[in-house]
Amino acid sequence: MLKIERSKLVAGTIICLSAANGLAMENPVLAQQNSTATSKIGGYQLPNLSRPNTSTQHAPDEFKPEKLTGIVELPNVPNYTGHAVFISGLRYPRDRSGVRIGMTIGVREDENEVLEWYKSALKTYRWQLLTSNPTDKYVSAAKDNNTFTVRISPSKQPGFRTLVVLSYKFGI
C-alpha cells in the first residue's frame, strides 16, 4: 500500500512540474524566471528554494517611493527644536493603507533628551502615546487616524550624537 501511495505522489509531482513547465514555456517571462530559479535532478526541473529570487521585476506602484530632499512638515508634529540636519527620507504616496513618510535626521543632543522632547511635544499636540520604551529608545503615537513613530539610536556619523528616524502614516 505504501508503494502505491509513493508512486501516486511521484506521478502527481511530475504532472504538476510538467504543467508548470508548460505554462512557463507559453510565457517568455515565466520561462526565463523558471530557468533561473530551478535546478535539474534526474531530468526534472525542481524549484531551487535555497537561492533568493533574482528577478528583475519591478515592485507595484504602491511600493515605489519618492526621495525627499529635505525635512517635510508633518501635520500636528512640531519640528525638533534642537540642531537637526536632514540625512535622508522617502515618501510612499500610493500606499493602499495611506500615505507614508519616513525621514532620518541627525542631532547633536543626547538620545534621552531627544526622546523626552518628542514625548513632551506629542503630548502637547494631543497625540495619544501608544507605546514608549526608554530602553529601546522609541515612542509611537496616534491622532486622527494617523500614526507617528520616533526611533532613536546613537550616531556613528561625525557631527551628530543621535540619529532620529521619524515615521508618519496618514490614515484613510
C-alpha atoms as a PDB file:
ATOM      1  CA  MET A   1       0.000   0.000   0.000  1.00  0.00           C
ATOM      2  CA  LEU A   2       2.880   2.342   0.816  1.00  0.00           C
ATOM      3  CA  LYS A   3       4.440   1.784  -2.637  1.00  0.00           C
ATOM      4  CA  ILE A   4       1.184   2.712  -4.329  1.00  0.00           C
ATOM      5  CA  GLU A   5       0.931   5.939  -2.324  1.00  0.00           C
ATOM      6  CA  ARG A   6       4.533   6.887  -3.156  1.00  0.00           C
ATOM      7  CA  SER A   7       4.029   6.233  -6.847  1.00  0.00           C
ATOM      8  CA  LYS A   8       0.877   8.366  -6.837  1.00  0.00           C
ATOM      9  CA  LEU A   9       2.824  11.127  -5.093  1.00  0.00           C
ATOM     10  CA  VAL A  10       5.683  10.935  -7.611  1.00  0.00           C
ATOM     11  CA  ALA A  11       3.248  10.862 -10.541  1.00  0.00           C
ATOM     12  CA  GLY A  12       1.365  13.854  -9.126  1.00  0.00           C
ATOM     13  CA  THR A  13       4.616  15.766  -8.645  1.00  0.00           C
ATOM     14  CA  ILE A  14       5.719  15.025 -12.210  1.00  0.00           C
ATOM     15  CA  ILE A  15       2.341  16.156 -13.559  1.00  0.00           C
ATOM     16  CA  CYS A  16       2.478  19.386 -11.521  1.00  0.00           C
ATOM     17  CA  LEU A  17       6.046  20.088 -12.649  1.00  0.00           C
ATOM     18  CA  SER A  18       5.152  19.327 -16.265  1.00  0.00           C
ATOM     19  CA  ALA A  19       2.118  21.614 -16.114  1.00  0.00           C
ATOM     20  CA  ALA A  20       4.148  24.419 -14.527  1.00  0.00           C
ATOM     21  CA  ASN A  21       6.890  23.992 -17.115  1.00  0.00           C
ATOM     22  CA  GLY A  22       4.294  24.015 -19.931  1.00  0.00           C
ATOM     23  CA  LEU A  23       2.777  27.252 -18.605  1.00  0.00           C
ATOM     24  CA  ALA A  24       6.222  28.793 -18.322  1.00  0.00           C
ATOM     25  CA  MET A  25       7.089  27.912 -21.916  1.00  0.00           C
ATOM     26  CA  GLU A  26       3.952  29.737 -23.137  1.00  0.00           C
ATOM     27  CA  ASN A  27       5.005  32.884 -21.269  1.00  0.00           C
ATOM     28  CA  PRO A  28       8.585  34.078 -22.056  1.00  0.00           C
ATOM     29  CA  VAL A  29       8.890  35.959 -18.736  1.00  0.00           C
ATOM     30  CA  LEU A  30       7.922  32.871 -16.753  1.00  0.00           C
ATOM     31  CA  ALA A  31      10.207  30.726 -18.887  1.00  0.00           C
ATOM     32  CA  GLN A  32      13.165  32.976 -18.062  1.00  0.00           C
ATOM     33  CA  GLN A  33      12.293  33.005 -14.335  1.00  0.00           C
ATOM     34  CA  ASN A  34      11.800  29.234 -14.389  1.00  0.00           C
ATOM     35  CA  SER A  35      15.213  28.653 -15.924  1.00  0.00           C
ATOM     36  CA  THR A  36      16.986  30.920 -13.440  1.00  0.00           C
ATOM     37  CA  ALA A  37      15.233  29.693 -10.302  1.00  0.00           C
ATOM     38  CA  THR A  38      15.253  25.935 -10.868  1.00  0.00           C
ATOM     39  CA  SER A  39      17.726  23.083 -10.919  1.00  0.00           C
ATOM     40  CA  LYS A  40      17.718  19.700 -12.703  1.00  0.00           C
ATOM     41  CA  ILE A  41      17.503  16.496 -10.715  1.00  0.00           C
ATOM     42  CA  GLY A  42      17.073  13.226 -12.572  1.00  0.00           C
ATOM     43  CA  GLY A  43      15.885  15.010 -15.734  1.00  0.00           C
ATOM     44  CA  TYR A  44      13.215  17.022 -13.918  1.00  0.00           C
ATOM     45  CA  GLN A  45      13.404  20.716 -13.067  1.00  0.00           C
ATOM     46  CA  LEU A  46      12.699  21.436  -9.425  1.00  0.00           C
ATOM     47  CA  PRO A  47      12.397  24.834  -7.791  1.00  0.00           C
ATOM     48  CA  ASN A  48      15.567  25.986  -6.032  1.00  0.00           C
ATOM     49  CA  LEU A  49      14.192  27.320  -2.779  1.00  0.00           C
ATOM     50  CA  SER A  50      17.592  27.918  -1.211  1.00  0.00           C
ATOM     51  CA  ARG A  51      18.588  30.615  -3.721  1.00  0.00           C
ATOM     52  CA  PRO A  52      16.929  34.039  -3.459  1.00  0.00           C
ATOM     53  CA  ASN A  53      14.804  35.166  -6.385  1.00  0.00           C
ATOM     54  CA  THR A  54      16.913  37.494  -8.513  1.00  0.00           C
ATOM     55  CA  SER A  55      14.020  38.535 -10.744  1.00  0.00           C
ATOM     56  CA  THR A  56      14.258  41.993 -12.258  1.00  0.00           C
ATOM     57  CA  GLN A  57      10.531  42.608 -11.981  1.00  0.00           C
ATOM     58  CA  HIS A  58       9.598  45.963 -10.513  1.00  0.00           C
ATOM     59  CA  ALA A  59       7.558  46.436  -7.360  1.00  0.00           C
ATOM     60  CA  PRO A  60       3.946  47.540  -7.755  1.00  0.00           C
ATOM     61  CA  ASP A  61       3.418  51.307  -7.899  1.00  0.00           C
ATOM     62  CA  GLU A  62       2.158  51.400  -4.322  1.00  0.00           C
ATOM     63  CA  PHE A  63       5.642  50.488  -3.095  1.00  0.00           C
ATOM     64  CA  LYS A  64       7.570  52.966  -5.261  1.00  0.00           C
ATOM     65  CA  PRO A  65       8.897  55.735  -3.035  1.00  0.00           C
ATOM     66  CA  GLU A  66       9.710  59.325  -3.840  1.00  0.00           C
ATOM     67  CA  LYS A  67      13.014  60.569  -2.442  1.00  0.00           C
ATOM     68  CA  LEU A  68      12.788  63.540  -0.111  1.00  0.00           C
ATOM     69  CA  THR A  69      15.394  66.293  -0.361  1.00  0.00           C
ATOM     70  CA  GLY A  70      14.718  67.958   2.973  1.00  0.00           C
ATOM     71  CA  ILE A  71      12.643  67.881   6.137  1.00  0.00           C
ATOM     72  CA  VAL A  72       8.915  67.696   5.384  1.00  0.00           C
ATOM     73  CA  GLU A  73       6.374  69.381   7.648  1.00  0.00           C
ATOM     74  CA  LEU A  74       4.230  66.676   9.246  1.00  0.00           C
ATOM     75  CA  PRO A  75       0.678  67.546  10.377  1.00  0.00           C
ATOM     76  CA  ASN A  76       0.447  68.142  14.136  1.00  0.00           C
ATOM     77  CA  VAL A  77       4.090  67.199  14.684  1.00  0.00           C
ATOM     78  CA  PRO A  78       6.477  70.002  15.607  1.00  0.00           C
ATOM     79  CA  ASN A  79       9.937  70.090  14.066  1.00  0.00           C
ATOM     80  CA  TYR A  80      12.652  69.234  16.542  1.00  0.00           C
ATOM     81  CA  THR A  81      13.843  72.459  18.190  1.00  0.00           C
ATOM     82  CA  GLY A  82      17.439  71.373  18.685  1.00  0.00           C
ATOM     83  CA  HIS A  83      20.063  71.394  15.960  1.00  0.00           C
ATOM     84  CA  ALA A  84      18.687  68.913  13.386  1.00  0.00           C
ATOM     85  CA  VAL A  85      20.121  68.071   9.972  1.00  0.00           C
ATOM     86  CA  PHE A  86      18.182  66.155   7.322  1.00  0.00           C
ATOM     87  CA  ILE A  87      20.001  62.968   6.302  1.00  0.00           C
ATOM     88  CA  SER A  88      17.500  61.060   4.154  1.00  0.00           C
ATOM     89  CA  GLY A  89      13.835  60.473   3.581  1.00  0.00           C
ATOM     90  CA  LEU A  90      11.208  58.708   1.483  1.00  0.00           C
ATOM     91  CA  ARG A  91       7.535  59.297   0.771  1.00  0.00           C
ATOM     92  CA  TYR A  92       5.212  56.471  -0.294  1.00  0.00           C
ATOM     93  CA  PRO A  93       2.311  58.385  -1.881  1.00  0.00           C
ATOM     94  CA  ARG A  94       0.426  55.397  -3.344  1.00  0.00           C
ATOM     95  CA  ASP A  95       0.336  53.027  -0.374  1.00  0.00           C
ATOM     96  CA  ARG A  96      -3.160  51.487  -0.150  1.00  0.00           C
ATOM     97  CA  SER A  97      -3.267  51.905   3.620  1.00  0.00           C
ATOM     98  CA  GLY A  98      -2.391  55.617   3.496  1.00  0.00           C
ATOM     99  CA  VAL A  99       0.493  57.863   2.516  1.00  0.00           C
ATOM    100  CA  ARG A 100       3.666  57.115   4.476  1.00  0.00           C
ATOM    101  CA  ILE A 101       6.659  59.367   5.080  1.00  0.00           C
ATOM    102  CA  GLY A 102       9.947  58.356   6.666  1.00  0.00           C
ATOM    103  CA  MET A 103      12.824  60.685   7.468  1.00  0.00           C
ATOM    104  CA  THR A 104      16.146  60.365   9.228  1.00  0.00           C
ATOM    105  CA  ILE A 105      17.681  63.373  10.921  1.00  0.00           C
ATOM    106  CA  GLY A 106      20.936  63.796  12.788  1.00  0.00           C
ATOM    107  CA  VAL A 107      21.004  65.796  16.036  1.00  0.00           C
ATOM    108  CA  ARG A 108      23.706  66.894  18.445  1.00  0.00           C
ATOM    109  CA  GLU A 109      21.706  66.240  21.599  1.00  0.00           C
ATOM    110  CA  ASP A 110      21.772  63.101  23.749  1.00  0.00           C
ATOM    111  CA  GLU A 111      19.399  60.199  22.936  1.00  0.00           C
ATOM    112  CA  ASN A 112      17.395  60.502  26.171  1.00  0.00           C
ATOM    113  CA  GLU A 113      16.997  64.267  25.751  1.00  0.00           C
ATOM    114  CA  VAL A 114      15.651  63.817  22.198  1.00  0.00           C
ATOM    115  CA  LEU A 115      13.263  61.035  23.244  1.00  0.00           C
ATOM    116  CA  GLU A 116      11.883  63.101  26.133  1.00  0.00           C
ATOM    117  CA  TRP A 117      11.489  66.124  23.828  1.00  0.00           C
ATOM    118  CA  TYR A 118       9.367  64.111  21.392  1.00  0.00           C
ATOM    119  CA  LYS A 119       7.230  62.594  24.170  1.00  0.00           C
ATOM    120  CA  SER A 120       6.526  66.042  25.578  1.00  0.00           C
ATOM    121  CA  ALA A 121       5.856  67.581  22.144  1.00  0.00           C
ATOM    122  CA  LEU A 122       3.448  64.792  21.164  1.00  0.00           C
ATOM    123  CA  LYS A 123       1.516  65.201  24.426  1.00  0.00           C
ATOM    124  CA  THR A 124       1.369  68.980  23.851  1.00  0.00           C
ATOM    125  CA  TYR A 125      -0.019  68.401  20.351  1.00  0.00           C
ATOM    126  CA  ARG A 126      -2.601  65.999  21.869  1.00  0.00           C
ATOM    127  CA  TRP A 127      -1.278  62.759  20.397  1.00  0.00           C
ATOM    128  CA  GLN A 128      -2.198  59.584  22.239  1.00  0.00           C
ATOM    129  CA  LEU A 129       1.019  57.800  23.183  1.00  0.00           C
ATOM    130  CA  LEU A 130       0.587  54.145  22.257  1.00  0.00           C
ATOM    131  CA  THR A 131       3.946  52.706  23.218  1.00  0.00           C
ATOM    132  CA  SER A 132       7.020  54.158  24.709  1.00  0.00           C
ATOM    133  CA  ASN A 133      10.104  52.210  25.592  1.00  0.00           C
ATOM    134  CA  PRO A 134      13.035  54.162  27.024  1.00  0.00           C
ATOM    135  CA  THR A 135      15.256  51.063  26.845  1.00  0.00           C
ATOM    136  CA  ASP A 136      14.644  50.580  23.110  1.00  0.00           C
ATOM    137  CA  LYS A 137      14.522  54.361  22.514  1.00  0.00           C
ATOM    138  CA  TYR A 138      11.246  54.722  20.640  1.00  0.00           C
ATOM    139  CA  VAL A 139       7.792  56.197  21.016  1.00  0.00           C
ATOM    140  CA  SER A 140       4.647  55.593  18.938  1.00  0.00           C
ATOM    141  CA  ALA A 141       1.568  57.777  18.926  1.00  0.00           C
ATOM    142  CA  ALA A 142      -1.813  58.123  17.190  1.00  0.00           C
ATOM    143  CA  LYS A 143      -4.047  61.061  16.349  1.00  0.00           C
ATOM    144  CA  ASP A 144      -6.945  61.471  13.896  1.00  0.00           C
ATOM    145  CA  ASN A 145      -6.321  58.060  12.235  1.00  0.00           C
ATOM    146  CA  ASN A 146      -2.651  58.980  11.711  1.00  0.00           C
ATOM    147  CA  THR A 147       0.286  57.275  13.388  1.00  0.00           C
ATOM    148  CA  PHE A 148       3.711  58.631  14.183  1.00  0.00           C
ATOM    149  CA  THR A 149       6.776  56.777  15.428  1.00  0.00           C
ATOM    150  CA  VAL A 150      10.143  58.103  16.568  1.00  0.00           C
ATOM    151  CA  ARG A 151      13.134  55.747  16.813  1.00  0.00           C
ATOM    152  CA  ILE A 152      16.358  56.981  18.310  1.00  0.00           C
ATOM    153  CA  SER A 153      19.842  55.492  18.116  1.00  0.00           C
ATOM    154  CA  PRO A 154      23.414  56.605  18.722  1.00  0.00           C
ATOM    155  CA  SER A 155      25.042  58.117  15.676  1.00  0.00           C
ATOM    156  CA  LYS A 156      28.241  56.839  14.105  1.00  0.00           C
ATOM    157  CA  GLN A 157      28.313  59.814  11.758  1.00  0.00           C
ATOM    158  CA  PRO A 158      30.612  62.672  12.705  1.00  0.00           C
ATOM    159  CA  GLY A 159      28.853  65.807  13.937  1.00  0.00           C
ATOM    160  CA  PHE A 160      25.827  64.014  15.412  1.00  0.00           C
ATOM    161  CA  ARG A 161      25.352  62.314  18.763  1.00  0.00           C
ATOM    162  CA  THR A 162      21.966  60.866  17.838  1.00  0.00           C
ATOM    163  CA  LEU A 163      20.110  59.653  14.762  1.00  0.00           C
ATOM    164  CA  VAL A 164      16.328  60.092  14.765  1.00  0.00           C
ATOM    165  CA  VAL A 165      14.084  58.114  12.410  1.00  0.00           C
ATOM    166  CA  LEU A 166      10.619  59.636  12.018  1.00  0.00           C
ATOM    167  CA  SER A 167       7.804  57.566  10.503  1.00  0.00           C
ATOM    168  CA  TYR A 168       4.439  59.153   9.743  1.00  0.00           C
ATOM    169  CA  LYS A 169       1.467  57.293   8.287  1.00  0.00           C
ATOM    170  CA  PHE A 170      -1.604  59.191   7.157  1.00  0.00           C
ATOM    171  CA  GLY A 171      -4.847  57.325   7.915  1.00  0.00           C
ATOM    172  CA  ILE A 172      -7.518  56.792   5.315  1.00  0.00           C
END
